[in-house]
Amino acid sequence: MTIAEALEHEQPHLMPMPAAFDGYVESPARVSSTCLVSAARNRYSVPCTLAGQRVSVRLYPDRVVIIDDHTVVAEHVRASDRDHIVYDWQHYVPLVQRKPGALRNGAPFADLPDSLQRLRQALIRRPGGDRVMAQVLAAVPTFGLEAVLVAIDLVLQTGRPSAEHVLNVLARLHEGPPPERVDTALVIADEPIADSSRYDRLREEVGHG
């Protein structure tokens, strides 16, 4: 009997492969005021809404998973050395809505994606630029990071970046397809004309009245 024949003979009797063993070391931890939890002599960020609360930390060989009320709230690649701080800048987005100035020197925002970094550099020179940048970051949980990055790239090409411009592009990117054309027997007797002078005449008539 060949190996292939033996395999074909044995396959109906083989047991199904179980799921991989989920091996980790779990321990409780308290979230610091800077939204960090300690694990294996390193610190990892969690959403800022959990500051001061107790969570559960699952330490895997290659990653760190933080659990709150049986729900995964953060996951990081495990730091290979000691005394490192691993941030996820999206954990701090609600915080910058209250304190936009944190964007200037805040360590969590040192590793923003390239498009966000370029937008920040363009806005930081303007009065109130931090607040505008905070408005753009606030769109990430709603529209998703990839959509926001695409919108920022389109806005930066215009040379006049603003939160309103980014949000307008995002809305257009997410709008549905145009409605289907409906056949109708109705006919427009007078084609609409773009004539702003009509409004001036109307204002004059109202003023004289």
Protein backbone atom coordinates (compact mmCIF):
# COMPACT_ATOMS: atom_id res chain seq x y z
CA MET A 1 0.00 0.00 0.00
CA THR A 2 1.37 3.40 -0.93
CA ILE A 3 1.33 6.42 1.42
CA ALA A 4 -1.41 8.06 -0.67
CA GLU A 5 -3.52 4.90 -0.50
CA ALA A 6 -2.99 4.65 3.26
CA LEU A 7 -4.06 8.29 3.71
CA GLU A 8 -7.20 7.74 1.67
CA HIS A 9 -8.00 4.69 3.79
CA GLU A 10 -7.40 6.50 7.12
CA GLN A 11 -9.07 9.86 6.39
CA PRO A 12 -12.66 8.72 7.17
CA HIS A 13 -11.47 7.63 10.63
CA LEU A 14 -9.44 10.75 11.55
CA MET A 15 -10.72 13.13 14.26
CA PRO A 16 -11.31 16.80 13.31
CA MET A 17 -8.53 19.23 14.17
CA PRO A 18 -9.44 21.18 17.33
CA ALA A 19 -8.98 24.93 17.60
CA ALA A 20 -5.50 26.16 18.49
CA PHE A 21 -4.81 26.36 22.20
CA ASP A 22 -5.53 29.86 23.47
CA GLY A 23 -2.60 30.14 25.84
CA TYR A 24 -2.09 33.34 27.82
CA VAL A 25 -1.33 34.63 31.31
CA GLU A 26 -4.17 36.77 32.66
CA SER A 27 -3.93 39.30 35.47
CA PRO A 28 -5.99 42.26 36.72
CA ALA A 29 -4.69 45.80 36.30
CA ARG A 30 -5.81 49.35 37.00
CA VAL A 31 -5.80 51.89 34.21
CA SER A 32 -3.67 54.93 35.07
CA SER A 33 -4.76 58.54 34.66
CA THR A 34 -2.80 58.58 31.40
CA CYS A 35 -4.85 55.62 30.09
CA LEU A 36 -2.09 53.04 30.43
CA VAL A 37 -1.95 49.55 31.95
CA SER A 38 1.21 47.74 33.05
CA ALA A 39 2.08 44.27 31.79
CA ALA A 40 5.45 42.50 31.98
CA ARG A 41 7.30 45.73 32.84
CA ASN A 42 5.85 47.63 29.89
CA ARG A 43 2.82 49.88 29.57
CA TYR A 44 0.06 49.77 26.97
CA SER A 45 -2.70 52.25 26.15
CA VAL A 46 -6.44 51.65 26.45
CA PRO A 47 -9.41 53.89 25.53
CA CYS A 48 -9.35 57.00 27.70
CA THR A 49 -12.89 56.33 28.91
CA LEU A 50 -11.41 53.54 31.07
CA ALA A 51 -9.04 55.77 33.05
CA GLY A 52 -9.05 54.79 36.71
CA GLN A 53 -10.96 51.55 36.14
CA ARG A 54 -9.87 47.94 36.58
CA VAL A 55 -9.41 45.74 33.52
CA SER A 56 -8.03 42.30 32.76
CA VAL A 57 -4.75 41.93 30.85
CA ARG A 58 -4.07 38.81 28.78
CA LEU A 59 -0.39 38.36 28.02
CA TYR A 60 0.38 36.25 24.94
CA PRO A 61 3.88 35.49 23.61
CA ASP A 62 3.40 37.99 20.76
CA ARG A 63 0.62 40.34 21.85
CA VAL A 64 -1.19 41.95 24.76
CA VAL A 65 -4.98 41.97 24.93
CA ILE A 66 -6.93 44.11 27.40
CA ILE A 67 -10.42 43.01 28.43
CA ASP A 68 -13.18 45.03 30.07
CA ASP A 69 -16.42 43.29 31.02
CA HIS A 70 -15.64 40.31 28.74
CA THR A 71 -15.02 42.65 25.77
CA VAL A 72 -11.70 43.26 24.06
CA VAL A 73 -11.03 47.01 24.36
CA ALA A 74 -7.40 47.12 23.20
CA GLU A 75 -4.81 44.90 21.56
CA HIS A 76 -1.12 45.63 21.02
CA VAL A 77 1.95 43.88 19.68
CA ARG A 78 3.90 42.85 22.77
CA ALA A 79 7.02 44.92 23.39
CA SER A 80 10.14 42.77 23.24
CA ASP A 81 12.09 44.76 25.84
CA ARG A 82 11.33 46.47 29.16
CA ASP A 83 10.21 49.95 30.15
CA HIS A 84 8.47 50.70 26.85
CA ILE A 85 5.18 52.54 26.38
CA VAL A 86 3.05 51.32 23.49
CA TYR A 87 0.36 53.76 22.36
CA ASP A 88 -2.63 53.58 20.06
CA TRP A 89 -3.41 57.22 19.26
CA GLN A 90 -7.06 56.39 18.56
CA HIS A 91 -7.52 55.64 22.28
CA TYR A 92 -6.96 59.36 22.97
CA VAL A 93 -9.28 60.90 20.35
CA PRO A 94 -12.08 61.72 22.87
CA LEU A 95 -9.49 63.38 25.10
CA VAL A 96 -8.30 65.86 22.45
CA GLN A 97 -11.90 67.00 21.95
CA ARG A 98 -11.63 68.50 25.44
CA LYS A 99 -7.92 69.41 25.29
CA PRO A 100 -6.89 70.08 21.67
CA GLY A 101 -3.52 71.39 22.84
CA ALA A 102 -2.48 67.81 23.64
CA LEU A 103 -1.95 67.32 19.91
CA ARG A 104 1.14 69.52 19.88
CA ASN A 105 3.40 67.55 22.21
CA GLY A 106 1.31 64.52 23.17
CA ALA A 107 3.37 61.33 22.95
CA PRO A 108 0.41 59.19 21.72
CA PHE A 109 0.22 61.31 18.55
CA ALA A 110 3.87 60.98 17.56
CA ASP A 111 3.04 58.03 15.26
CA LEU A 112 0.04 59.39 13.40
CA PRO A 113 -0.36 58.12 9.82
CA ASP A 114 1.47 60.23 7.23
CA SER A 115 -1.66 61.98 5.91
CA LEU A 116 -2.69 63.05 9.42
CA GLN A 117 0.85 64.23 10.15
CA ARG A 118 0.88 66.41 7.03
CA LEU A 119 -2.53 67.84 7.91
CA ARG A 120 -1.38 68.60 11.44
CA GLN A 121 1.71 70.40 10.12
CA ALA A 122 -0.50 72.47 7.80
CA LEU A 123 -2.93 73.40 10.59
CA ILE A 124 -0.52 73.87 13.48
CA ARG A 125 0.62 77.26 12.13
CA ARG A 126 -2.90 78.67 12.16
CA PRO A 127 -4.76 80.10 15.15
CA GLY A 128 -7.12 77.42 16.41
CA GLY A 129 -5.40 74.77 14.28
CA ASP A 130 -5.35 72.30 17.18
CA ARG A 131 -9.13 72.50 17.52
CA VAL A 132 -9.60 71.97 13.77
CA MET A 133 -7.32 68.92 13.90
CA ALA A 134 -9.32 67.55 16.84
CA GLN A 135 -12.50 67.85 14.76
CA VAL A 136 -10.91 65.82 11.97
CA LEU A 137 -9.76 63.11 14.39
CA ALA A 138 -13.27 62.94 15.83
CA ALA A 139 -14.47 61.75 12.42
CA VAL A 140 -12.32 58.58 12.60
CA PRO A 141 -14.69 56.56 14.87
CA THR A 142 -17.65 57.48 12.64
CA PHE A 143 -16.23 57.09 9.13
CA GLY A 144 -13.26 54.79 9.74
CA LEU A 145 -9.55 55.58 9.48
CA GLU A 146 -9.12 54.65 5.81
CA ALA A 147 -11.96 56.92 4.66
CA VAL A 148 -10.60 59.84 6.71
CA LEU A 149 -7.10 59.37 5.24
CA VAL A 150 -8.50 59.40 1.69
CA ALA A 151 -10.48 62.56 2.44
CA ILE A 152 -7.42 64.26 3.93
CA ASP A 153 -5.29 63.43 0.87
CA LEU A 154 -7.94 64.96 -1.40
CA VAL A 155 -8.22 68.08 0.76
CA LEU A 156 -4.45 68.57 1.02
CA GLN A 157 -4.26 68.66 -2.78
CA THR A 158 -6.40 71.81 -2.75
CA GLY A 159 -3.93 73.64 -0.50
CA ARG A 160 -6.71 74.94 1.79
CA PRO A 161 -7.28 72.27 4.46
CA SER A 162 -10.04 72.70 7.00
CA ALA A 163 -12.23 70.46 9.14
CA GLU A 164 -15.31 71.51 7.17
CA HIS A 165 -13.62 70.58 3.90
CA VAL A 166 -12.58 67.15 5.21
CA LEU A 167 -16.05 66.43 6.58
CA ASN A 168 -17.65 67.55 3.32
CA VAL A 169 -15.43 65.18 1.32
CA LEU A 170 -16.22 62.35 3.74
CA ALA A 171 -19.95 62.95 3.33
CA ARG A 172 -19.60 62.84 -0.46
CA LEU A 173 -17.51 59.67 -0.29
CA HIS A 174 -20.23 57.98 1.78
CA GLU A 175 -23.29 59.22 -0.07
CA GLY A 176 -25.29 56.55 -1.85
CA PRO A 177 -25.62 56.16 -5.62
CA PRO A 178 -27.76 58.76 -7.43
CA PRO A 179 -31.46 57.85 -7.76
CA GLU A 180 -32.54 56.12 -10.93
CA ARG A 181 -34.00 58.24 -13.68
CA VAL A 182 -37.81 58.10 -13.69
CA ASP A 183 -39.68 58.31 -16.97
CA THR A 184 -42.50 60.87 -16.84
CA ALA A 185 -44.85 62.63 -19.20
CA LEU A 186 -44.35 65.92 -17.37
CA VAL A 187 -42.55 68.62 -19.34
CA ILE A 188 -40.92 71.79 -18.00
CA ALA A 189 -42.43 74.76 -19.74
CA ASP A 190 -39.82 77.27 -18.57
CA GLU A 191 -36.26 76.02 -18.24
CA PRO A 192 -34.64 77.28 -15.00
CA ILE A 193 -32.11 80.05 -15.56
CA ALA A 194 -29.20 80.83 -13.24
CA ASP A 195 -29.82 84.56 -12.88
CA SER A 196 -28.85 86.05 -9.54
CA SER A 197 -30.04 89.51 -10.64
CA ARG A 198 -33.61 88.33 -10.09
CA TYR A 199 -32.91 88.23 -6.35
CA ASP A 200 -31.56 91.80 -6.47
CA ARG A 201 -34.73 92.97 -8.20
CA LEU A 202 -36.86 91.16 -5.65
CA ARG A 203 -34.98 92.84 -2.79
CA GLU A 204 -35.53 96.22 -4.38
CA GLU A 205 -39.25 95.56 -4.77
CA VAL A 206 -39.53 94.48 -1.13
CA GLY A 207 -37.55 97.54 -0.03
CA HIS A 208 -39.82 99.92 -1.95
CA GLY A 209 -42.91 98.17 -0.61
